[in-house]
Amino acid sequence: MGLNLFAYNLWMDSPNIPPTMSDRLARYIEQTGGISKPWLLAQLRLKKLQERKPNLSPEEYERELVDIHQAVMNLGEWWVGQEDEVF
């Protein structure tokens, strides 16, 4: 998943478009330096998928959900050694 933060910031500064929950999460991730934390990016992908669910076929939704799940599983035990920081 690629994030174009410049375009995102321009879009977020538009007074006519209310931010979605995924927009708020993306802003939080950016402001807290979480862009390098893949588990937070997986949460963002999941939130965006949740918001798009009404516009997706069940097959598309399931395919994307499986992809996000696999990405999280590929992280392994990412928290080991940094429990105090992430929990």
PDB file of N, CA and C in Angstrom:
ATOM      1  N   MET A   1       0.849  -1.175   0.000  1.00  0.00           N
ATOM      2  CA  MET A   1       0.000   0.000   0.000  1.00  0.00           C
ATOM      3  C   MET A   1       0.889   1.231   0.000  1.00  0.00           C
ATOM      4  N   GLY A   2       0.716   2.102  -0.955  1.00  0.00           N
ATOM      5  CA  GLY A   2       1.502   3.316  -1.017  1.00  0.00           C
ATOM      6  C   GLY A   2       0.712   4.499  -0.482  1.00  0.00           C
ATOM      7  N   LEU A   3       1.360   5.302   0.296  1.00  0.00           N
ATOM      8  CA  LEU A   3       0.725   6.512   0.799  1.00  0.00           C
ATOM      9  C   LEU A   3       1.393   7.722   0.164  1.00  0.00           C
ATOM     10  N   ASN A   4       0.636   8.530  -0.505  1.00  0.00           N
ATOM     11  CA  ASN A   4       1.146   9.787  -1.033  1.00  0.00           C
ATOM     12  C   ASN A   4       0.755  10.855  -0.016  1.00  0.00           C
ATOM     13  N   LEU A   5       1.626  11.112   0.937  1.00  0.00           N
ATOM     14  CA  LEU A   5       1.286  11.992   2.053  1.00  0.00           C
ATOM     15  C   LEU A   5       1.094  13.439   1.621  1.00  0.00           C
ATOM     16  N   PHE A   6       1.797  13.876   0.578  1.00  0.00           N
ATOM     17  CA  PHE A   6       1.609  15.238   0.094  1.00  0.00           C
ATOM     18  C   PHE A   6       0.179  15.427  -0.406  1.00  0.00           C
ATOM     19  N   ALA A   7      -0.263  14.511  -1.260  1.00  0.00           N
ATOM     20  CA  ALA A   7      -1.631  14.586  -1.783  1.00  0.00           C
ATOM     21  C   ALA A   7      -2.642  14.414  -0.657  1.00  0.00           C
ATOM     22  N   TYR A   8      -2.348  13.518   0.265  1.00  0.00           N
ATOM     23  CA  TYR A   8      -3.251  13.292   1.393  1.00  0.00           C
ATOM     24  C   TYR A   8      -3.412  14.572   2.212  1.00  0.00           C
ATOM     25  N   ASN A   9      -2.305  15.262   2.495  1.00  0.00           N
ATOM     26  CA  ASN A   9      -2.384  16.488   3.286  1.00  0.00           C
ATOM     27  C   ASN A   9      -3.159  17.581   2.561  1.00  0.00           C
ATOM     28  N   LEU A  10      -2.972  17.684   1.253  1.00  0.00           N
ATOM     29  CA  LEU A  10      -3.753  18.656   0.491  1.00  0.00           C
ATOM     30  C   LEU A  10      -5.235  18.346   0.593  1.00  0.00           C
ATOM     31  N   TRP A  11      -5.555  17.076   0.455  1.00  0.00           N
ATOM     32  CA  TRP A  11      -6.955  16.653   0.526  1.00  0.00           C
ATOM     33  C   TRP A  11      -7.528  16.906   1.918  1.00  0.00           C
ATOM     34  N   MET A  12      -6.740  16.588   2.972  1.00  0.00           N
ATOM     35  CA  MET A  12      -7.223  16.759   4.343  1.00  0.00           C
ATOM     36  C   MET A  12      -7.452  18.230   4.676  1.00  0.00           C
ATOM     37  N   ASP A  13      -6.729  19.123   4.029  1.00  0.00           N
ATOM     38  CA  ASP A  13      -6.876  20.545   4.317  1.00  0.00           C
ATOM     39  C   ASP A  13      -8.059  21.172   3.596  1.00  0.00           C
ATOM     40  N   SER A  14      -8.751  20.397   2.767  1.00  0.00           N
ATOM     41  CA  SER A  14      -9.915  20.915   2.050  1.00  0.00           C
ATOM     42  C   SER A  14     -11.074  21.070   3.030  1.00  0.00           C
ATOM     43  N   PRO A  15     -11.649  22.280   3.149  1.00  0.00           N
ATOM     44  CA  PRO A  15     -12.716  22.498   4.125  1.00  0.00           C
ATOM     45  C   PRO A  15     -14.044  21.856   3.723  1.00  0.00           C
ATOM     46  N   ASN A  16     -14.188  21.418   2.477  1.00  0.00           N
ATOM     47  CA  ASN A  16     -15.471  20.897   2.004  1.00  0.00           C
ATOM     48  C   ASN A  16     -15.609  19.391   2.132  1.00  0.00           C
ATOM     49  N   ILE A  17     -14.546  18.692   2.500  1.00  0.00           N
ATOM     50  CA  ILE A  17     -14.583  17.235   2.573  1.00  0.00           C
ATOM     51  C   ILE A  17     -14.355  16.807   4.019  1.00  0.00           C
ATOM     52  N   PRO A  18     -15.381  16.241   4.664  1.00  0.00           N
ATOM     53  CA  PRO A  18     -15.187  15.802   6.051  1.00  0.00           C
ATOM     54  C   PRO A  18     -14.279  14.568   6.095  1.00  0.00           C
ATOM     55  N   PRO A  19     -13.374  14.516   7.052  1.00  0.00           N
ATOM     56  CA  PRO A  19     -12.468  13.373   7.140  1.00  0.00           C
ATOM     57  C   PRO A  19     -13.198  12.112   7.602  1.00  0.00           C
ATOM     58  N   THR A  20     -12.801  10.983   7.048  1.00  0.00           N
ATOM     59  CA  THR A  20     -13.338   9.693   7.479  1.00  0.00           C
ATOM     60  C   THR A  20     -12.496   9.187   8.650  1.00  0.00           C
ATOM     61  N   MET A  21     -12.916   8.089   9.238  1.00  0.00           N
ATOM     62  CA  MET A  21     -12.135   7.507  10.329  1.00  0.00           C
ATOM     63  C   MET A  21     -10.759   7.075   9.830  1.00  0.00           C
ATOM     64  N   SER A  22     -10.693   6.552   8.600  1.00  0.00           N
ATOM     65  CA  SER A  22      -9.385   6.156   8.075  1.00  0.00           C
ATOM     66  C   SER A  22      -8.506   7.378   7.844  1.00  0.00           C
ATOM     67  N   ASP A  23      -9.104   8.503   7.469  1.00  0.00           N
ATOM     68  CA  ASP A  23      -8.332   9.737   7.317  1.00  0.00           C
ATOM     69  C   ASP A  23      -7.749  10.163   8.656  1.00  0.00           C
ATOM     70  N   ARG A  24      -8.553  10.073   9.680  1.00  0.00           N
ATOM     71  CA  ARG A  24      -8.077  10.446  11.023  1.00  0.00           C
ATOM     72  C   ARG A  24      -6.971   9.506  11.484  1.00  0.00           C
ATOM     73  N   LEU A  25      -7.154   8.207  11.207  1.00  0.00           N
ATOM     74  CA  LEU A  25      -6.134   7.233  11.579  1.00  0.00           C
ATOM     75  C   LEU A  25      -4.846   7.495  10.805  1.00  0.00           C
ATOM     76  N   ALA A  26      -4.958   7.792   9.526  1.00  0.00           N
ATOM     77  CA  ALA A  26      -3.769   8.088   8.716  1.00  0.00           C
ATOM     78  C   ALA A  26      -3.038   9.313   9.254  1.00  0.00           C
ATOM     79  N   ARG A  27      -3.779  10.318   9.621  1.00  0.00           N
ATOM     80  CA  ARG A  27      -3.163  11.529  10.173  1.00  0.00           C
ATOM     81  C   ARG A  27      -2.464  11.209  11.500  1.00  0.00           C
ATOM     82  N   TYR A  28      -3.106  10.420  12.349  1.00  0.00           N
ATOM     83  CA  TYR A  28      -2.494  10.012  13.619  1.00  0.00           C
ATOM     84  C   TYR A  28      -1.193   9.248  13.358  1.00  0.00           C
ATOM     85  N   ILE A  29      -1.241   8.300  12.419  1.00  0.00           N
ATOM     86  CA  ILE A  29      -0.049   7.508  12.101  1.00  0.00           C
ATOM     87  C   ILE A  29       1.069   8.415  11.624  1.00  0.00           C
ATOM     88  N   GLU A  30       0.738   9.354  10.766  1.00  0.00           N
ATOM     89  CA  GLU A  30       1.746  10.275  10.248  1.00  0.00           C
ATOM     90  C   GLU A  30       2.310  11.163  11.356  1.00  0.00           C
ATOM     91  N   GLN A  31       1.451  11.714  12.191  1.00  0.00           N
ATOM     92  CA  GLN A  31       1.891  12.659  13.211  1.00  0.00           C
ATOM     93  C   GLN A  31       2.676  11.999  14.337  1.00  0.00           C
ATOM     94  N   THR A  32       2.475  10.702  14.540  1.00  0.00           N
ATOM     95  CA  THR A  32       3.174  10.016  15.632  1.00  0.00           C
ATOM     96  C   THR A  32       4.366   9.208  15.140  1.00  0.00           C
ATOM     97  N   GLY A  33       4.723   9.375  13.874  1.00  0.00           N
ATOM     98  CA  GLY A  33       5.872   8.646  13.339  1.00  0.00           C
ATOM     99  C   GLY A  33       5.593   7.180  13.091  1.00  0.00           C
ATOM    100  N   GLY A  34       4.335   6.828  12.958  1.00  0.00           N
ATOM    101  CA  GLY A  34       3.973   5.429  12.789  1.00  0.00           C
ATOM    102  C   GLY A  34       4.056   4.905  11.374  1.00  0.00           C
ATOM    103  N   ILE A  35       4.465   5.743  10.440  1.00  0.00           N
ATOM    104  CA  ILE A  35       4.516   5.333   9.040  1.00  0.00           C
ATOM    105  C   ILE A  35       5.492   4.171   8.838  1.00  0.00           C
ATOM    106  N   SER A  36       6.437   4.008   9.736  1.00  0.00           N
ATOM    107  CA  SER A  36       7.403   2.911   9.636  1.00  0.00           C
ATOM    108  C   SER A  36       6.975   1.682  10.439  1.00  0.00           C
ATOM    109  N   LYS A  37       5.763   1.708  10.966  1.00  0.00           N
ATOM    110  CA  LYS A  37       5.269   0.588  11.778  1.00  0.00           C
ATOM    111  C   LYS A  37       4.211  -0.181  10.985  1.00  0.00           C
ATOM    112  N   PRO A  38       4.596  -1.328  10.433  1.00  0.00           N
ATOM    113  CA  PRO A  38       3.689  -2.043   9.532  1.00  0.00           C
ATOM    114  C   PRO A  38       2.382  -2.489  10.177  1.00  0.00           C
ATOM    115  N   TRP A  39       2.357  -2.703  11.471  1.00  0.00           N
ATOM    116  CA  TRP A  39       1.111  -3.108  12.109  1.00  0.00           C
ATOM    117  C   TRP A  39       0.100  -1.967  12.111  1.00  0.00           C
ATOM    118  N   LEU A  40       0.578  -0.720  12.180  1.00  0.00           N
ATOM    119  CA  LEU A  40      -0.334   0.416  12.095  1.00  0.00           C
ATOM    120  C   LEU A  40      -0.845   0.602  10.669  1.00  0.00           C
ATOM    121  N   LEU A  41       0.012   0.350   9.695  1.00  0.00           N
ATOM    122  CA  LEU A  41      -0.425   0.443   8.303  1.00  0.00           C
ATOM    123  C   LEU A  41      -1.453  -0.643   7.989  1.00  0.00           C
ATOM    124  N   ALA A  42      -1.323  -1.813   8.620  1.00  0.00           N
ATOM    125  CA  ALA A  42      -2.323  -2.871   8.445  1.00  0.00           C
ATOM    126  C   ALA A  42      -3.659  -2.426   9.040  1.00  0.00           C
ATOM    127  N   GLN A  43      -3.624  -1.751  10.171  1.00  0.00           N
ATOM    128  CA  GLN A  43      -4.855  -1.225  10.761  1.00  0.00           C
ATOM    129  C   GLN A  43      -5.501  -0.202   9.831  1.00  0.00           C
ATOM    130  N   LEU A  44      -4.687   0.617   9.217  1.00  0.00           N
ATOM    131  CA  LEU A  44      -5.204   1.605   8.279  1.00  0.00           C
ATOM    132  C   LEU A  44      -5.835   0.927   7.070  1.00  0.00           C
ATOM    133  N   ARG A  45      -5.176  -0.086   6.542  1.00  0.00           N
ATOM    134  CA  ARG A  45      -5.748  -0.828   5.411  1.00  0.00           C
ATOM    135  C   ARG A  45      -7.087  -1.448   5.795  1.00  0.00           C
ATOM    136  N   LEU A  46      -7.163  -2.000   7.001  1.00  0.00           N
ATOM    137  CA  LEU A  46      -8.402  -2.623   7.466  1.00  0.00           C
ATOM    138  C   LEU A  46      -9.518  -1.594   7.611  1.00  0.00           C
ATOM    139  N   LYS A  47      -9.205  -0.430   8.152  1.00  0.00           N
ATOM    140  CA  LYS A  47     -10.206   0.626   8.313  1.00  0.00           C
ATOM    141  C   LYS A  47     -10.697   1.108   6.949  1.00  0.00           C
ATOM    142  N   LYS A  48      -9.770   1.285   6.005  1.00  0.00           N
ATOM    143  CA  LYS A  48     -10.162   1.713   4.659  1.00  0.00           C
ATOM    144  C   LYS A  48     -11.047   0.659   3.985  1.00  0.00           C
ATOM    145  N   LEU A  49     -10.720  -0.604   4.178  1.00  0.00           N
ATOM    146  CA  LEU A  49     -11.530  -1.684   3.618  1.00  0.00           C
ATOM    147  C   LEU A  49     -12.924  -1.668   4.229  1.00  0.00           C
ATOM    148  N   GLN A  50     -12.999  -1.470   5.526  1.00  0.00           N
ATOM    149  CA  GLN A  50     -14.291  -1.399   6.209  1.00  0.00           C
ATOM    150  C   GLN A  50     -15.151  -0.278   5.618  1.00  0.00           C
ATOM    151  N   GLU A  51     -14.543   0.846   5.353  1.00  0.00           N
ATOM    152  CA  GLU A  51     -15.285   1.979   4.791  1.00  0.00           C
ATOM    153  C   GLU A  51     -15.735   1.716   3.355  1.00  0.00           C
ATOM    154  N   ARG A  52     -14.962   0.930   2.620  1.00  0.00           N
ATOM    155  CA  ARG A  52     -15.292   0.642   1.226  1.00  0.00           C
ATOM    156  C   ARG A  52     -16.204  -0.574   1.065  1.00  0.00           C
ATOM    157  N   LYS A  53     -16.431  -1.319   2.133  1.00  0.00           N
ATOM    158  CA  LYS A  53     -17.188  -2.564   2.054  1.00  0.00           C
ATOM    159  C   LYS A  53     -18.528  -2.422   1.333  1.00  0.00           C
ATOM    160  N   PRO A  54     -19.310  -1.373   1.565  1.00  0.00           N
ATOM    161  CA  PRO A  54     -20.601  -1.267   0.867  1.00  0.00           C
ATOM    162  C   PRO A  54     -20.479  -1.198  -0.658  1.00  0.00           C
ATOM    163  N   ASN A  55     -19.320  -0.792  -1.145  1.00  0.00           N
ATOM    164  CA  ASN A  55     -19.128  -0.643  -2.591  1.00  0.00           C
ATOM    165  C   ASN A  55     -18.396  -1.820  -3.234  1.00  0.00           C
ATOM    166  N   LEU A  56     -18.095  -2.844  -2.455  1.00  0.00           N
ATOM    167  CA  LEU A  56     -17.356  -3.994  -2.960  1.00  0.00           C
ATOM    168  C   LEU A  56     -18.269  -5.215  -3.050  1.00  0.00           C
ATOM    169  N   SER A  57     -17.960  -6.073  -3.990  1.00  0.00           N
ATOM    170  CA  SER A  57     -18.663  -7.357  -4.036  1.00  0.00           C
ATOM    171  C   SER A  57     -18.148  -8.198  -2.871  1.00  0.00           C
ATOM    172  N   PRO A  58     -18.909  -9.189  -2.438  1.00  0.00           N
ATOM    173  CA  PRO A  58     -18.426 -10.059  -1.354  1.00  0.00           C
ATOM    174  C   PRO A  58     -17.082 -10.706  -1.692  1.00  0.00           C
ATOM    175  N   GLU A  59     -16.883 -11.044  -2.953  1.00  0.00           N
ATOM    176  CA  GLU A  59     -15.626 -11.675  -3.368  1.00  0.00           C
ATOM    177  C   GLU A  59     -14.454 -10.697  -3.269  1.00  0.00           C
ATOM    178  N   GLU A  60     -14.664  -9.456  -3.704  1.00  0.00           N
ATOM    179  CA  GLU A  60     -13.607  -8.442  -3.614  1.00  0.00           C
ATOM    180  C   GLU A  60     -13.252  -8.164  -2.154  1.00  0.00           C
ATOM    181  N   TYR A  61     -14.297  -8.033  -1.327  1.00  0.00           N
ATOM    182  CA  TYR A  61     -14.079  -7.768   0.094  1.00  0.00           C
ATOM    183  C   TYR A  61     -13.279  -8.905   0.725  1.00  0.00           C
ATOM    184  N   GLU A  62     -13.692 -10.127   0.467  1.00  0.00           N
ATOM    185  CA  GLU A  62     -12.995 -11.279   1.047  1.00  0.00           C
ATOM    186  C   GLU A  62     -11.551 -11.348   0.560  1.00  0.00           C
ATOM    187  N   ARG A  63     -11.321 -11.100  -0.714  1.00  0.00           N
ATOM    188  CA  ARG A  63      -9.968 -11.145  -1.281  1.00  0.00           C
ATOM    189  C   ARG A  63      -9.070 -10.102  -0.593  1.00  0.00           C
ATOM    190  N   GLU A  64      -9.584  -8.905  -0.411  1.00  0.00           N
ATOM    191  CA  GLU A  64      -8.782  -7.858   0.237  1.00  0.00           C
ATOM    192  C   GLU A  64      -8.562  -8.153   1.718  1.00  0.00           C
ATOM    193  N   LEU A  65      -9.585  -8.702   2.368  1.00  0.00           N
ATOM    194  CA  LEU A  65      -9.453  -9.068   3.776  1.00  0.00           C
ATOM    195  C   LEU A  65      -8.410 -10.164   3.961  1.00  0.00           C
ATOM    196  N   VAL A  66      -8.423 -11.142   3.075  1.00  0.00           N
ATOM    197  CA  VAL A  66      -7.422 -12.215   3.124  1.00  0.00           C
ATOM    198  C   VAL A  66      -6.028 -11.634   2.921  1.00  0.00           C
ATOM    199  N   ASP A  67      -5.884 -10.673   2.017  1.00  0.00           N
ATOM    200  CA  ASP A  67      -4.596 -10.051   1.759  1.00  0.00           C
ATOM    201  C   ASP A  67      -4.089  -9.307   3.002  1.00  0.00           C
ATOM    202  N   ILE A  68      -4.968  -8.577   3.664  1.00  0.00           N
ATOM    203  CA  ILE A  68      -4.575  -7.860   4.888  1.00  0.00           C
ATOM    204  C   ILE A  68      -4.197  -8.857   5.979  1.00  0.00           C
ATOM    205  N   HIS A  69      -4.992  -9.910   6.111  1.00  0.00           N
ATOM    206  CA  HIS A  69      -4.698 -10.938   7.111  1.00  0.00           C
ATOM    207  C   HIS A  69      -3.320 -11.545   6.864  1.00  0.00           C
ATOM    208  N   GLN A  70      -3.008 -11.858   5.609  1.00  0.00           N
ATOM    209  CA  GLN A  70      -1.710 -12.438   5.284  1.00  0.00           C
ATOM    210  C   GLN A  70      -0.583 -11.461   5.606  1.00  0.00           C
ATOM    211  N   ALA A  71      -0.796 -10.189   5.326  1.00  0.00           N
ATOM    212  CA  ALA A  71       0.227  -9.183   5.637  1.00  0.00           C
ATOM    213  C   ALA A  71       0.497  -9.141   7.142  1.00  0.00           C
ATOM    214  N   VAL A  72      -0.551  -9.231   7.941  1.00  0.00           N
ATOM    215  CA  VAL A  72      -0.380  -9.225   9.402  1.00  0.00           C
ATOM    216  C   VAL A  72       0.328 -10.499   9.852  1.00  0.00           C
ATOM    217  N   MET A  73      -0.048 -11.637   9.278  1.00  0.00           N
ATOM    218  CA  MET A  73       0.595 -12.901   9.648  1.00  0.00           C
ATOM    219  C   MET A  73       2.078 -12.886   9.267  1.00  0.00           C
ATOM    220  N   ASN A  74       2.414 -12.223   8.173  1.00  0.00           N
ATOM    221  CA  ASN A  74       3.810 -12.135   7.743  1.00  0.00           C
ATOM    222  C   ASN A  74       4.663 -11.301   8.699  1.00  0.00           C
ATOM    223  N   LEU A  75       4.011 -10.501   9.526  1.00  0.00           N
ATOM    224  CA  LEU A  75       4.762  -9.705  10.502  1.00  0.00           C
ATOM    225  C   LEU A  75       5.359 -10.579  11.590  1.00  0.00           C
ATOM    226  N   GLY A  76       4.767 -11.738  11.815  1.00  0.00           N
ATOM    227  CA  GLY A  76       5.251 -12.613  12.874  1.00  0.00           C
ATOM    228  C   GLY A  76       5.015 -11.983  14.236  1.00  0.00           C
ATOM    229  N   GLU A  77       5.871 -12.300  15.158  1.00  0.00           N
ATOM    230  CA  GLU A  77       5.753 -11.753  16.514  1.00  0.00           C
ATOM    231  C   GLU A  77       6.504 -10.427  16.581  1.00  0.00           C
ATOM    232  N   TRP A  78       5.961  -9.436  15.879  1.00  0.00           N
ATOM    233  CA  TRP A  78       6.608  -8.138  15.741  1.00  0.00           C
ATOM    234  C   TRP A  78       6.784  -7.398  17.056  1.00  0.00           C
ATOM    235  N   TRP A  79       5.971  -7.716  18.031  1.00  0.00           N
ATOM    236  CA  TRP A  79       5.992  -6.976  19.289  1.00  0.00           C
ATOM    237  C   TRP A  79       7.105  -7.425  20.228  1.00  0.00           C
ATOM    238  N   VAL A  80       7.681  -8.604  19.995  1.00  0.00           N
ATOM    239  CA  VAL A  80       8.690  -9.155  20.900  1.00  0.00           C
ATOM    240  C   VAL A  80       9.868  -8.184  20.996  1.00  0.00           C
ATOM    241  N   GLY A  81      10.163  -7.798  22.211  1.00  0.00           N
ATOM    242  CA  GLY A  81      11.264  -6.874  22.463  1.00  0.00           C
ATOM    243  C   GLY A  81      10.855  -5.418  22.502  1.00  0.00           C
ATOM    244  N   GLN A  82       9.606  -5.132  22.142  1.00  0.00           N
ATOM    245  CA  GLN A  82       9.148  -3.744  22.184  1.00  0.00           C
ATOM    246  C   GLN A  82       7.758  -3.642  22.812  1.00  0.00           C
ATOM    247  N   GLU A  83       7.475  -4.556  23.718  1.00  0.00           N
ATOM    248  CA  GLU A  83       6.163  -4.587  24.361  1.00  0.00           C
ATOM    249  C   GLU A  83       5.804  -3.270  25.049  1.00  0.00           C
ATOM    250  N   ASP A  84       6.770  -2.671  25.730  1.00  0.00           N
ATOM    251  CA  ASP A  84       6.482  -1.411  26.445  1.00  0.00           C
ATOM    252  C   ASP A  84       6.116  -0.291  25.493  1.00  0.00           C
ATOM    253  N   GLU A  85       6.673  -0.316  24.295  1.00  0.00           N
ATOM    254  CA  GLU A  85       6.409   0.744  23.325  1.00  0.00           C
ATOM    255  C   GLU A  85       5.053   0.577  22.643  1.00  0.00           C
ATOM    256  N   VAL A  86       4.659  -0.657  22.358  1.00  0.00           N
ATOM    257  CA  VAL A  86       3.462  -0.861  21.527  1.00  0.00           C
ATOM    258  C   VAL A  86       2.217  -1.267  22.300  1.00  0.00           C
ATOM    259  N   PHE A  87       2.362  -1.638  23.562  1.00  0.00           N
ATOM    260  CA  PHE A  87       1.168  -2.032  24.332  1.00  0.00           C
ATOM    261  C   PHE A  87       0.945  -1.106  25.501  1.00  0.00           C
TER     262      PHE A  87
END
